[in-house]
């Protein structure tokens, strides 16, 4: 069986100042149904890092070539999570976090 192709994705989000502890607390208690949804859509190896000085979050993840990934923004549990996090992040009008894609300039395997 051939391995499932995947891509590595990196992006940044913008944490509201003074929200670090609450952001951490909510992620420490991430909903099991959200984790299941992400895994079922092919998302794995998901990490979020904080640049404390600029209140920017840097996220990296792997995702498989799975059409379910494109459907994540319309899933009810994803929408509820975004609403749950909206007071901590800069968000778009539809409630999803503002993200900026990051381009990889170097990788060492």
C-alpha atoms as a PDB file:
ATOM      1  CA  UNK A   1       0.000   0.000   0.000  1.00  0.00           C
ATOM      2  CA  UNK A   2       1.435   3.380  -1.032  1.00  0.00           C
ATOM      3  CA  UNK A   3       1.688   6.103   1.609  1.00  0.00           C
ATOM      4  CA  UNK A   4      -1.010   8.774   1.559  1.00  0.00           C
ATOM      5  CA  UNK A   5       0.366  12.001   0.061  1.00  0.00           C
ATOM      6  CA  UNK A   6       0.351  14.945   2.413  1.00  0.00           C
ATOM      7  CA  UNK A   7       1.387  18.550   2.471  1.00  0.00           C
ATOM      8  CA  UNK A   8       2.926  20.597   5.231  1.00  0.00           C
ATOM      9  CA  UNK A   9       1.155  23.857   5.926  1.00  0.00           C
ATOM     10  CA  UNK A  10       2.302  26.847   7.986  1.00  0.00           C
ATOM     11  CA  UNK A  11       0.379  29.989   8.818  1.00  0.00           C
ATOM     12  CA  UNK A  12       0.151  32.693  11.427  1.00  0.00           C
ATOM     13  CA  UNK A  13      -2.754  34.022  13.458  1.00  0.00           C
ATOM     14  CA  UNK A  14      -3.028  37.092  15.640  1.00  0.00           C
ATOM     15  CA  UNK A  15      -3.638  36.741  19.365  1.00  0.00           C
ATOM     16  CA  UNK A  16      -5.279  39.640  21.160  1.00  0.00           C
ATOM     17  CA  UNK A  17      -2.905  41.152  23.723  1.00  0.00           C
ATOM     18  CA  UNK A  18      -3.349  39.799  27.219  1.00  0.00           C
ATOM     19  CA  UNK A  19      -5.009  36.566  26.043  1.00  0.00           C
ATOM     20  CA  UNK A  20      -2.081  34.158  26.194  1.00  0.00           C
ATOM     21  CA  UNK A  21      -3.127  32.293  29.338  1.00  0.00           C
ATOM     22  CA  UNK A  22      -6.746  31.903  28.251  1.00  0.00           C
ATOM     23  CA  UNK A  23      -5.717  30.774  24.772  1.00  0.00           C
ATOM     24  CA  UNK A  24      -3.463  28.146  26.352  1.00  0.00           C
ATOM     25  CA  UNK A  25      -6.192  27.067  28.790  1.00  0.00           C
ATOM     26  CA  UNK A  26      -8.739  26.554  26.009  1.00  0.00           C
ATOM     27  CA  UNK A  27      -6.304  24.543  23.895  1.00  0.00           C
ATOM     28  CA  UNK A  28      -5.348  22.431  26.897  1.00  0.00           C
ATOM     29  CA  UNK A  29      -9.043  21.514  27.035  1.00  0.00           C
ATOM     30  CA  UNK A  30      -9.547  21.112  23.267  1.00  0.00           C
ATOM     31  CA  UNK A  31     -12.794  19.357  22.479  1.00  0.00           C
ATOM     32  CA  UNK A  32     -12.406  15.663  21.612  1.00  0.00           C
ATOM     33  CA  UNK A  33     -14.971  16.031  18.819  1.00  0.00           C
ATOM     34  CA  UNK A  34     -12.829  18.759  17.213  1.00  0.00           C
ATOM     35  CA  UNK A  35      -9.718  16.585  17.405  1.00  0.00           C
ATOM     36  CA  UNK A  36     -11.681  13.706  15.843  1.00  0.00           C
ATOM     37  CA  UNK A  37     -12.950  15.961  13.051  1.00  0.00           C
ATOM     38  CA  UNK A  38      -9.449  17.228  12.250  1.00  0.00           C
ATOM     39  CA  UNK A  39      -7.962  13.734  12.254  1.00  0.00           C
ATOM     40  CA  UNK A  40     -10.789  12.374  10.091  1.00  0.00           C
ATOM     41  CA  UNK A  41     -10.095  15.179   7.596  1.00  0.00           C
ATOM     42  CA  UNK A  42      -6.437  14.143   7.420  1.00  0.00           C
ATOM     43  CA  UNK A  43      -4.888  16.768   9.708  1.00  0.00           C
ATOM     44  CA  UNK A  44      -1.961  15.591  11.856  1.00  0.00           C
ATOM     45  CA  UNK A  45       1.178  16.831  13.548  1.00  0.00           C
ATOM     46  CA  UNK A  46      -0.504  20.164  14.356  1.00  0.00           C
ATOM     47  CA  UNK A  47       1.495  22.602  16.494  1.00  0.00           C
ATOM     48  CA  UNK A  48       0.965  26.255  17.417  1.00  0.00           C
ATOM     49  CA  UNK A  49       3.820  28.479  18.617  1.00  0.00           C
ATOM     50  CA  UNK A  50       3.615  31.928  20.196  1.00  0.00           C
ATOM     51  CA  UNK A  51       5.782  34.948  19.409  1.00  0.00           C
ATOM     52  CA  UNK A  52       5.222  36.673  22.766  1.00  0.00           C
ATOM     53  CA  UNK A  53       6.668  40.022  21.680  1.00  0.00           C
ATOM     54  CA  UNK A  54       4.259  40.438  18.755  1.00  0.00           C
ATOM     55  CA  UNK A  55       1.314  38.323  20.010  1.00  0.00           C
ATOM     56  CA  UNK A  56       1.461  36.259  16.827  1.00  0.00           C
ATOM     57  CA  UNK A  57       0.722  32.562  16.675  1.00  0.00           C
ATOM     58  CA  UNK A  58       2.619  30.381  14.212  1.00  0.00           C
ATOM     59  CA  UNK A  59       0.977  27.105  13.286  1.00  0.00           C
ATOM     60  CA  UNK A  60       2.290  24.120  11.388  1.00  0.00           C
ATOM     61  CA  UNK A  61       0.427  21.001  10.399  1.00  0.00           C
ATOM     62  CA  UNK A  62       0.387  18.138   7.978  1.00  0.00           C
ATOM     63  CA  UNK A  63      -2.727  17.325   6.002  1.00  0.00           C
ATOM     64  CA  UNK A  64      -3.446  14.510   3.622  1.00  0.00           C
ATOM     65  CA  UNK A  65      -4.853  14.968   0.159  1.00  0.00           C
ATOM     66  CA  UNK A  66      -8.374  14.504   1.465  1.00  0.00           C
ATOM     67  CA  UNK A  67     -11.382  16.472   0.176  1.00  0.00           C
ATOM     68  CA  UNK A  68     -12.725  16.619   3.742  1.00  0.00           C
ATOM     69  CA  UNK A  69     -10.022  19.173   4.595  1.00  0.00           C
ATOM     70  CA  UNK A  70     -11.683  21.764   2.351  1.00  0.00           C
ATOM     71  CA  UNK A  71     -14.991  21.131   4.131  1.00  0.00           C
ATOM     72  CA  UNK A  72     -13.650  21.849   7.629  1.00  0.00           C
ATOM     73  CA  UNK A  73     -14.767  25.524   7.691  1.00  0.00           C
ATOM     74  CA  UNK A  74     -18.378  24.499   7.133  1.00  0.00           C
ATOM     75  CA  UNK A  75     -18.457  21.837   9.851  1.00  0.00           C
ATOM     76  CA  UNK A  76     -20.585  22.747  12.907  1.00  0.00           C
ATOM     77  CA  UNK A  77     -17.940  21.771  15.473  1.00  0.00           C
ATOM     78  CA  UNK A  78     -15.349  23.915  13.669  1.00  0.00           C
ATOM     79  CA  UNK A  79     -17.753  26.873  13.621  1.00  0.00           C
ATOM     80  CA  UNK A  80     -18.426  26.403  17.358  1.00  0.00           C
ATOM     81  CA  UNK A  81     -14.678  26.289  18.090  1.00  0.00           C
ATOM     82  CA  UNK A  82     -14.107  29.503  16.148  1.00  0.00           C
ATOM     83  CA  UNK A  83     -16.936  31.187  18.096  1.00  0.00           C
ATOM     84  CA  UNK A  84     -15.386  29.869  21.333  1.00  0.00           C
ATOM     85  CA  UNK A  85     -12.012  31.405  20.393  1.00  0.00           C
ATOM     86  CA  UNK A  86     -13.269  34.639  18.761  1.00  0.00           C
ATOM     87  CA  UNK A  87     -12.692  36.828  21.813  1.00  0.00           C
ATOM     88  CA  UNK A  88      -9.007  35.840  21.865  1.00  0.00           C
ATOM     89  CA  UNK A  89      -8.049  36.245  18.198  1.00  0.00           C
ATOM     90  CA  UNK A  90      -8.339  38.671  15.332  1.00  0.00           C
ATOM     91  CA  UNK A  91     -11.192  37.190  13.262  1.00  0.00           C
ATOM     92  CA  UNK A  92     -12.828  37.642   9.886  1.00  0.00           C
ATOM     93  CA  UNK A  93     -16.450  38.731   9.553  1.00  0.00           C
ATOM     94  CA  UNK A  94     -17.574  35.089   9.277  1.00  0.00           C
ATOM     95  CA  UNK A  95     -15.884  34.220  12.591  1.00  0.00           C
ATOM     96  CA  UNK A  96     -12.882  32.263  11.382  1.00  0.00           C
ATOM     97  CA  UNK A  97      -9.467  33.455  12.568  1.00  0.00           C
ATOM     98  CA  UNK A  98      -7.516  35.804  10.338  1.00  0.00           C
ATOM     99  CA  UNK A  99      -4.624  33.748   8.986  1.00  0.00           C
ATOM    100  CA  UNK A 100      -1.629  34.586   6.867  1.00  0.00           C
ATOM    101  CA  UNK A 101      -0.041  31.698   4.949  1.00  0.00           C
ATOM    102  CA  UNK A 102       3.694  31.277   5.459  1.00  0.00           C
ATOM    103  CA  UNK A 103       6.013  30.166   2.682  1.00  0.00           C
ATOM    104  CA  UNK A 104       8.689  27.630   3.476  1.00  0.00           C
ATOM    105  CA  UNK A 105      12.172  28.895   2.694  1.00  0.00           C
ATOM    106  CA  UNK A 106      14.109  26.011   4.202  1.00  0.00           C
ATOM    107  CA  UNK A 107      13.491  22.421   5.296  1.00  0.00           C
ATOM    108  CA  UNK A 108      15.858  19.807   6.587  1.00  0.00           C
ATOM    109  CA  UNK A 109      14.568  16.241   6.755  1.00  0.00           C
END
